[in-house]
Amino acid sequence: MNTVGVKDFTMLDLIKPESKRLRRHISAVINFAKFREERLVHGVELTQEVDALAAKKQQAEDENERLVNELRAATAVREQEAPEEARLKAENEGLATTVQEAFNQQTAVHEDSLRLKQELEQASPTAPAPRLLPHGSCPMAPAP
């Protein structure tokens, strides 16, 4: 009875109950039962919330482990491909140099061509200008 809030409950209350004390004791037991029921509902809600959070935490840990394994696999693949990457970068740099040299050579040829045309026009001002053929139409090329 201490639990329900009755501090002065004795054996005499069982053997020879008094109506006023009995009413007080029964009221205390009923109040305690109502209080316990309210707390129990709240406790069940908290337990369900804790269970849901624990499941969510487990899912997050599983996802984290999966992603860590995926990262390790990707890192291993990248390390395996590193020599090929270095070789391709070097090849790319060599090709870039070749393209730049070809561009410089084409620019020099174009400038020479313009200079020669200018010299030709200055050497023979009365002669008709040479007729330029459209690109890809060489008279020596075989017909398609």
N, C-alpha and C. Protein backbone atom coordinates (compact mmCIF):
# COMPACT_ATOMS: atom_id res chain seq x y z
N MET A 1 0.81 -1.19 0.00
CA MET A 1 0.00 0.00 0.00
C MET A 1 0.86 1.26 0.00
N ASN A 2 2.10 1.11 0.40
CA ASN A 2 3.00 2.26 0.33
C ASN A 2 3.10 2.76 -1.11
N THR A 3 3.08 1.84 -2.07
CA THR A 3 3.22 2.19 -3.49
C THR A 3 2.06 3.05 -3.96
N VAL A 4 0.86 2.82 -3.45
CA VAL A 4 -0.31 3.60 -3.91
C VAL A 4 -0.48 4.87 -3.11
N GLY A 5 0.35 5.10 -2.13
CA GLY A 5 0.32 6.36 -1.40
C GLY A 5 -0.32 6.28 -0.03
N VAL A 6 -0.62 5.08 0.46
CA VAL A 6 -1.21 4.94 1.80
C VAL A 6 -0.08 4.49 2.73
N LYS A 7 0.32 5.40 3.61
CA LYS A 7 1.47 5.11 4.48
C LYS A 7 1.05 4.47 5.81
N ASP A 8 -0.20 4.60 6.16
CA ASP A 8 -0.61 4.12 7.49
C ASP A 8 -1.50 2.88 7.43
N PHE A 9 -1.36 2.05 6.41
CA PHE A 9 -2.15 0.83 6.27
C PHE A 9 -1.60 -0.21 7.23
N THR A 10 -2.53 -0.86 7.99
CA THR A 10 -2.11 -1.88 8.96
C THR A 10 -2.97 -3.12 8.79
N MET A 11 -2.65 -4.19 9.52
CA MET A 11 -3.43 -5.42 9.49
C MET A 11 -4.83 -5.18 10.04
N LEU A 12 -4.94 -4.22 10.90
CA LEU A 12 -6.23 -3.89 11.49
C LEU A 12 -7.22 -3.43 10.42
N ASP A 13 -6.69 -2.77 9.36
CA ASP A 13 -7.55 -2.32 8.26
C ASP A 13 -8.12 -3.50 7.49
N LEU A 14 -7.48 -4.65 7.54
CA LEU A 14 -7.99 -5.85 6.89
C LEU A 14 -8.93 -6.63 7.81
N ILE A 15 -8.56 -6.71 9.08
CA ILE A 15 -9.34 -7.49 10.03
C ILE A 15 -10.63 -6.77 10.42
N LYS A 16 -10.52 -5.51 10.74
CA LYS A 16 -11.66 -4.73 11.19
C LYS A 16 -11.68 -3.40 10.43
N PRO A 17 -12.16 -3.41 9.15
CA PRO A 17 -12.13 -2.18 8.37
C PRO A 17 -13.14 -1.14 8.86
N GLU A 18 -12.74 0.10 8.79
CA GLU A 18 -13.63 1.23 9.08
C GLU A 18 -14.02 1.84 7.74
N SER A 19 -15.25 2.25 7.62
CA SER A 19 -15.74 2.72 6.32
C SER A 19 -14.96 3.92 5.80
N LYS A 20 -14.66 4.87 6.65
CA LYS A 20 -13.93 6.07 6.22
C LYS A 20 -12.52 5.70 5.73
N ARG A 21 -11.81 4.86 6.48
CA ARG A 21 -10.46 4.45 6.08
C ARG A 21 -10.51 3.54 4.85
N LEU A 22 -11.51 2.65 4.79
CA LEU A 22 -11.65 1.75 3.65
C LEU A 22 -11.88 2.55 2.36
N ARG A 23 -12.78 3.56 2.46
CA ARG A 23 -13.05 4.42 1.31
C ARG A 23 -11.77 5.13 0.86
N ARG A 24 -10.99 5.63 1.80
CA ARG A 24 -9.73 6.31 1.46
C ARG A 24 -8.75 5.35 0.81
N HIS A 25 -8.66 4.13 1.30
CA HIS A 25 -7.73 3.15 0.75
C HIS A 25 -8.15 2.72 -0.65
N ILE A 26 -9.44 2.47 -0.83
CA ILE A 26 -9.94 2.07 -2.16
C ILE A 26 -9.74 3.21 -3.16
N SER A 27 -9.98 4.46 -2.72
CA SER A 27 -9.77 5.62 -3.59
C SER A 27 -8.30 5.71 -4.00
N ALA A 28 -7.40 5.45 -3.04
CA ALA A 28 -5.96 5.51 -3.35
C ALA A 28 -5.59 4.43 -4.36
N VAL A 29 -6.15 3.21 -4.21
CA VAL A 29 -5.85 2.13 -5.15
C VAL A 29 -6.40 2.47 -6.53
N ILE A 30 -7.62 3.02 -6.61
CA ILE A 30 -8.22 3.39 -7.91
C ILE A 30 -7.40 4.51 -8.57
N ASN A 31 -7.03 5.51 -7.80
CA ASN A 31 -6.21 6.61 -8.35
C ASN A 31 -4.88 6.09 -8.87
N PHE A 32 -4.28 5.16 -8.10
CA PHE A 32 -3.01 4.59 -8.54
C PHE A 32 -3.19 3.81 -9.84
N ALA A 33 -4.29 3.06 -9.95
CA ALA A 33 -4.54 2.27 -11.16
C ALA A 33 -4.72 3.19 -12.38
N LYS A 34 -5.48 4.29 -12.20
CA LYS A 34 -5.65 5.26 -13.30
C LYS A 34 -4.30 5.89 -13.69
N PHE A 35 -3.53 6.28 -12.68
CA PHE A 35 -2.22 6.88 -12.92
C PHE A 35 -1.31 5.90 -13.68
N ARG A 36 -1.32 4.64 -13.21
CA ARG A 36 -0.48 3.63 -13.85
C ARG A 36 -0.89 3.41 -15.30
N GLU A 37 -2.19 3.40 -15.57
CA GLU A 37 -2.68 3.18 -16.93
C GLU A 37 -2.25 4.32 -17.86
N GLU A 38 -2.34 5.56 -17.36
CA GLU A 38 -1.90 6.71 -18.16
C GLU A 38 -0.40 6.60 -18.47
N ARG A 39 0.36 6.25 -17.44
CA ARG A 39 1.80 6.11 -17.63
C ARG A 39 2.13 4.96 -18.56
N LEU A 40 1.37 3.90 -18.46
CA LEU A 40 1.61 2.72 -19.29
C LEU A 40 1.42 3.06 -20.77
N VAL A 41 0.35 3.83 -21.09
CA VAL A 41 0.12 4.23 -22.48
C VAL A 41 1.29 5.08 -22.97
N HIS A 42 1.71 6.00 -22.15
CA HIS A 42 2.84 6.86 -22.53
C HIS A 42 4.11 6.01 -22.67
N GLY A 43 4.28 5.04 -21.77
CA GLY A 43 5.45 4.16 -21.83
C GLY A 43 5.45 3.31 -23.09
N VAL A 44 4.27 2.82 -23.48
CA VAL A 44 4.17 2.02 -24.71
C VAL A 44 4.54 2.88 -25.92
N GLU A 45 4.06 4.12 -25.94
CA GLU A 45 4.40 5.03 -27.05
C GLU A 45 5.90 5.25 -27.12
N LEU A 46 6.50 5.48 -25.96
CA LEU A 46 7.95 5.70 -25.94
C LEU A 46 8.70 4.45 -26.38
N THR A 47 8.23 3.29 -25.96
CA THR A 47 8.88 2.04 -26.36
C THR A 47 8.79 1.84 -27.87
N GLN A 48 7.63 2.15 -28.45
CA GLN A 48 7.48 2.03 -29.90
C GLN A 48 8.39 3.01 -30.62
N GLU A 49 8.49 4.21 -30.09
CA GLU A 49 9.35 5.22 -30.71
C GLU A 49 10.82 4.79 -30.64
N VAL A 50 11.21 4.24 -29.49
CA VAL A 50 12.59 3.77 -29.33
C VAL A 50 12.87 2.62 -30.30
N ASP A 51 11.90 1.71 -30.44
CA ASP A 51 12.08 0.59 -31.38
C ASP A 51 12.22 1.09 -32.82
N ALA A 52 11.38 2.07 -33.18
CA ALA A 52 11.45 2.63 -34.54
C ALA A 52 12.79 3.31 -34.78
N LEU A 53 13.27 4.06 -33.78
CA LEU A 53 14.56 4.75 -33.92
C LEU A 53 15.71 3.75 -33.99
N ALA A 54 15.61 2.66 -33.22
CA ALA A 54 16.66 1.64 -33.26
C ALA A 54 16.70 0.98 -34.64
N ALA A 55 15.52 0.71 -35.21
CA ALA A 55 15.48 0.12 -36.56
C ALA A 55 16.05 1.09 -37.58
N LYS A 56 15.71 2.36 -37.45
CA LYS A 56 16.23 3.38 -38.38
C LYS A 56 17.75 3.49 -38.25
N LYS A 57 18.24 3.44 -37.02
CA LYS A 57 19.69 3.49 -36.79
C LYS A 57 20.38 2.29 -37.44
N GLN A 58 19.78 1.11 -37.30
CA GLN A 58 20.36 -0.09 -37.89
C GLN A 58 20.40 0.03 -39.41
N GLN A 59 19.33 0.57 -39.99
CA GLN A 59 19.32 0.76 -41.45
C GLN A 59 20.41 1.73 -41.87
N ALA A 60 20.59 2.81 -41.10
CA ALA A 60 21.63 3.78 -41.43
C ALA A 60 23.02 3.15 -41.31
N GLU A 61 23.23 2.33 -40.29
CA GLU A 61 24.52 1.65 -40.14
C GLU A 61 24.76 0.68 -41.29
N ASP A 62 23.71 -0.05 -41.69
CA ASP A 62 23.85 -0.98 -42.82
C ASP A 62 24.18 -0.22 -44.11
N GLU A 63 23.49 0.89 -44.33
CA GLU A 63 23.73 1.71 -45.52
C GLU A 63 25.15 2.27 -45.50
N ASN A 64 25.59 2.71 -44.32
CA ASN A 64 26.94 3.23 -44.18
C ASN A 64 27.97 2.15 -44.50
N GLU A 65 27.76 0.96 -44.00
CA GLU A 65 28.69 -0.14 -44.27
C GLU A 65 28.72 -0.47 -45.76
N ARG A 66 27.54 -0.47 -46.40
CA ARG A 66 27.48 -0.75 -47.84
C ARG A 66 28.25 0.32 -48.61
N LEU A 67 28.06 1.59 -48.23
CA LEU A 67 28.74 2.67 -48.94
C LEU A 67 30.25 2.64 -48.71
N VAL A 68 30.67 2.28 -47.50
CA VAL A 68 32.11 2.18 -47.21
C VAL A 68 32.72 1.08 -48.07
N ASN A 69 32.02 -0.06 -48.18
CA ASN A 69 32.53 -1.15 -49.02
C ASN A 69 32.58 -0.73 -50.48
N GLU A 70 31.56 0.00 -50.92
CA GLU A 70 31.53 0.48 -52.31
C GLU A 70 32.69 1.44 -52.57
N LEU A 71 32.95 2.32 -51.59
CA LEU A 71 34.07 3.26 -51.73
C LEU A 71 35.40 2.52 -51.79
N ARG A 72 35.56 1.51 -50.95
CA ARG A 72 36.80 0.73 -50.98
C ARG A 72 36.99 0.05 -52.33
N ALA A 73 35.91 -0.50 -52.87
CA ALA A 73 36.00 -1.17 -54.17
C ALA A 73 36.36 -0.17 -55.26
N ALA A 74 35.74 1.01 -55.23
CA ALA A 74 36.03 2.03 -56.24
C ALA A 74 37.47 2.52 -56.12
N THR A 75 37.95 2.65 -54.90
CA THR A 75 39.33 3.08 -54.68
C THR A 75 40.30 2.03 -55.21
N ALA A 76 39.99 0.76 -54.98
CA ALA A 76 40.85 -0.32 -55.48
C ALA A 76 40.89 -0.32 -57.00
N VAL A 77 39.73 -0.12 -57.63
CA VAL A 77 39.68 -0.07 -59.10
C VAL A 77 40.50 1.11 -59.60
N ARG A 78 40.36 2.25 -58.93
CA ARG A 78 41.11 3.44 -59.36
C ARG A 78 42.61 3.21 -59.23
N GLU A 79 43.03 2.56 -58.16
CA GLU A 79 44.45 2.28 -57.99
C GLU A 79 44.96 1.33 -59.07
N GLN A 80 44.11 0.37 -59.47
CA GLN A 80 44.50 -0.55 -60.53
C GLN A 80 44.61 0.17 -61.87
N GLU A 81 43.77 1.18 -62.06
CA GLU A 81 43.75 1.90 -63.34
C GLU A 81 44.75 3.05 -63.38
N ALA A 82 45.43 3.33 -62.28
CA ALA A 82 46.36 4.47 -62.21
C ALA A 82 47.46 4.39 -63.26
N PRO A 83 48.12 3.23 -63.48
CA PRO A 83 49.16 3.19 -64.51
C PRO A 83 48.61 3.49 -65.90
N GLU A 84 47.44 2.96 -66.20
CA GLU A 84 46.81 3.22 -67.51
C GLU A 84 46.47 4.69 -67.64
N GLU A 85 45.99 5.29 -66.55
CA GLU A 85 45.66 6.72 -66.56
C GLU A 85 46.92 7.55 -66.85
N ALA A 86 48.02 7.22 -66.19
CA ALA A 86 49.27 7.95 -66.39
C ALA A 86 49.75 7.80 -67.84
N ARG A 87 49.63 6.57 -68.37
CA ARG A 87 50.07 6.34 -69.76
C ARG A 87 49.21 7.16 -70.72
N LEU A 88 47.89 7.18 -70.50
CA LEU A 88 47.00 7.93 -71.38
C LEU A 88 47.22 9.44 -71.28
N LYS A 89 47.53 9.92 -70.07
CA LYS A 89 47.82 11.34 -69.91
C LYS A 89 49.08 11.72 -70.70
N ALA A 90 50.10 10.87 -70.59
CA ALA A 90 51.34 11.14 -71.33
C ALA A 90 51.08 11.10 -72.83
N GLU A 91 50.31 10.12 -73.28
CA GLU A 91 49.97 10.02 -74.70
C GLU A 91 49.18 11.25 -75.15
N ASN A 92 48.28 11.69 -74.30
CA ASN A 92 47.48 12.87 -74.60
C ASN A 92 48.36 14.11 -74.74
N GLU A 93 49.32 14.25 -73.84
CA GLU A 93 50.23 15.39 -73.91
C GLU A 93 51.05 15.34 -75.21
N GLY A 94 51.49 14.13 -75.58
CA GLY A 94 52.24 13.99 -76.84
C GLY A 94 51.39 14.35 -78.04
N LEU A 95 50.13 13.90 -78.03
CA LEU A 95 49.23 14.23 -79.14
C LEU A 95 48.91 15.71 -79.16
N ALA A 96 48.79 16.33 -78.01
CA ALA A 96 48.53 17.77 -77.96
C ALA A 96 49.71 18.53 -78.57
N THR A 97 50.91 18.08 -78.28
CA THR A 97 52.11 18.70 -78.87
C THR A 97 52.11 18.52 -80.39
N THR A 98 51.77 17.32 -80.85
CA THR A 98 51.71 17.04 -82.29
C THR A 98 50.68 17.93 -82.97
N VAL A 99 49.51 18.06 -82.35
CA VAL A 99 48.44 18.91 -82.93
C VAL A 99 48.91 20.35 -82.97
N GLN A 100 49.55 20.82 -81.92
CA GLN A 100 50.04 22.21 -81.89
C GLN A 100 51.09 22.43 -82.99
N GLU A 101 51.98 21.47 -83.17
CA GLU A 101 52.99 21.59 -84.22
C GLU A 101 52.34 21.61 -85.59
N ALA A 102 51.34 20.74 -85.80
CA ALA A 102 50.63 20.71 -87.08
C ALA A 102 49.91 22.03 -87.33
N PHE A 103 49.31 22.57 -86.28
CA PHE A 103 48.63 23.87 -86.41
C PHE A 103 49.63 24.96 -86.77
N ASN A 104 50.78 24.96 -86.09
CA ASN A 104 51.81 25.97 -86.39
C ASN A 104 52.29 25.83 -87.83
N GLN A 105 52.47 24.57 -88.27
CA GLN A 105 52.92 24.33 -89.64
C GLN A 105 51.86 24.80 -90.63
N GLN A 106 50.61 24.51 -90.36
CA GLN A 106 49.52 24.93 -91.25
C GLN A 106 49.44 26.45 -91.31
N THR A 107 49.64 27.11 -90.17
CA THR A 107 49.63 28.57 -90.13
C THR A 107 50.77 29.13 -90.97
N ALA A 108 51.95 28.53 -90.86
CA ALA A 108 53.11 29.00 -91.64
C ALA A 108 52.85 28.80 -93.14
N VAL A 109 52.27 27.66 -93.51
CA VAL A 109 51.96 27.40 -94.93
C VAL A 109 50.94 28.41 -95.43
N HIS A 110 49.95 28.69 -94.63
CA HIS A 110 48.91 29.65 -95.02
C HIS A 110 49.52 31.04 -95.21
N GLU A 111 50.40 31.42 -94.29
CA GLU A 111 51.05 32.73 -94.41
C GLU A 111 51.93 32.79 -95.66
N ASP A 112 52.66 31.70 -95.94
CA ASP A 112 53.48 31.64 -97.17
C ASP A 112 52.58 31.75 -98.40
N SER A 113 51.44 31.08 -98.36
CA SER A 113 50.51 31.12 -99.48
C SER A 113 50.02 32.54 -99.71
N LEU A 114 49.65 33.21 -98.62
CA LEU A 114 49.19 34.61 -98.76
C LEU A 114 50.31 35.50 -99.29
N ARG A 115 51.53 35.27 -98.80
CA ARG A 115 52.66 36.09 -99.26
C ARG A 115 52.93 35.84 -100.74
N LEU A 116 52.88 34.58 -101.17
CA LEU A 116 53.11 34.27 -102.59
C LEU A 116 52.02 34.85 -103.48
N LYS A 117 50.79 34.82 -103.03
CA LYS A 117 49.71 35.42 -103.81
C LYS A 117 49.92 36.91 -103.95
N GLN A 118 50.34 37.53 -102.86
CA GLN A 118 50.59 38.97 -102.90
C GLN A 118 51.74 39.29 -103.85
N GLU A 119 52.80 38.48 -103.82
CA GLU A 119 53.92 38.68 -104.73
C GLU A 119 53.49 38.48 -106.18
N LEU A 120 52.64 37.49 -106.42
CA LEU A 120 52.15 37.22 -107.76
C LEU A 120 51.32 38.40 -108.28
N GLU A 121 50.49 38.95 -107.42
CA GLU A 121 49.68 40.11 -107.83
C GLU A 121 50.56 41.32 -108.11
N GLN A 122 51.62 41.48 -107.36
CA GLN A 122 52.51 42.62 -107.56
C GLN A 122 53.36 42.42 -108.82
N ALA A 123 53.74 41.19 -109.14
CA ALA A 123 54.60 40.92 -110.29
C ALA A 123 53.83 41.11 -111.59
N SER A 124 52.61 40.74 -111.64
CA SER A 124 51.84 40.89 -112.87
C SER A 124 50.50 41.54 -112.56
N PRO A 125 50.49 42.87 -112.49
CA PRO A 125 49.24 43.56 -112.14
C PRO A 125 48.20 43.47 -113.25
N THR A 126 48.60 43.31 -114.52
CA THR A 126 47.64 43.27 -115.62
C THR A 126 47.12 41.86 -115.89
N ALA A 127 47.82 40.86 -115.42
CA ALA A 127 47.40 39.48 -115.66
C ALA A 127 46.18 39.17 -114.79
N PRO A 128 45.28 38.34 -115.33
CA PRO A 128 44.10 37.99 -114.52
C PRO A 128 44.52 37.17 -113.30
N ALA A 129 43.79 37.36 -112.25
CA ALA A 129 44.09 36.64 -111.00
C ALA A 129 43.82 35.16 -111.20
N PRO A 130 44.64 34.33 -110.63
CA PRO A 130 44.41 32.89 -110.79
C PRO A 130 43.08 32.49 -110.16
N ARG A 131 42.43 31.58 -110.87
CA ARG A 131 41.13 31.11 -110.39
C ARG A 131 41.37 30.02 -109.35
N LEU A 132 40.76 30.19 -108.17
CA LEU A 132 40.93 29.21 -107.11
C LEU A 132 39.81 28.20 -107.20
N LEU A 133 40.17 26.96 -107.04
CA LEU A 133 39.18 25.88 -107.08
C LEU A 133 38.58 25.70 -105.68
N PRO A 134 37.32 25.32 -105.65
CA PRO A 134 36.74 25.07 -104.32
C PRO A 134 37.46 23.90 -103.65
N HIS A 135 37.42 23.89 -102.36
CA HIS A 135 38.08 22.85 -101.56
C HIS A 135 37.55 21.47 -101.95
N GLY A 136 38.46 20.54 -102.24
CA GLY A 136 38.08 19.17 -102.56
C GLY A 136 37.81 18.93 -104.02
N SER A 137 37.98 19.94 -104.89
CA SER A 137 37.72 19.71 -106.32
C SER A 137 39.02 19.86 -107.11
N CYS A 138 39.92 18.98 -106.92
CA CYS A 138 41.21 18.97 -107.61
C CYS A 138 40.99 18.33 -108.99
N PRO A 139 41.50 18.97 -110.09
CA PRO A 139 41.29 18.41 -111.43
C PRO A 139 42.05 17.10 -111.62
N MET A 140 43.04 16.83 -110.77
CA MET A 140 43.82 15.61 -110.90
C MET A 140 43.20 14.45 -110.11
N ALA A 141 42.25 14.78 -109.25
CA ALA A 141 41.67 13.73 -108.39
C ALA A 141 40.69 12.89 -109.16
N PRO A 142 40.60 11.61 -108.87
CA PRO A 142 39.65 10.74 -109.58
C PRO A 142 38.20 11.16 -109.24
N ALA A 143 37.32 10.96 -110.21
CA ALA A 143 35.91 11.30 -110.02
C ALA A 143 35.26 10.33 -109.06
N PRO A 144 34.35 10.78 -108.24
CA PRO A 144 33.71 9.87 -107.27
C PRO A 144 32.74 8.92 -107.90
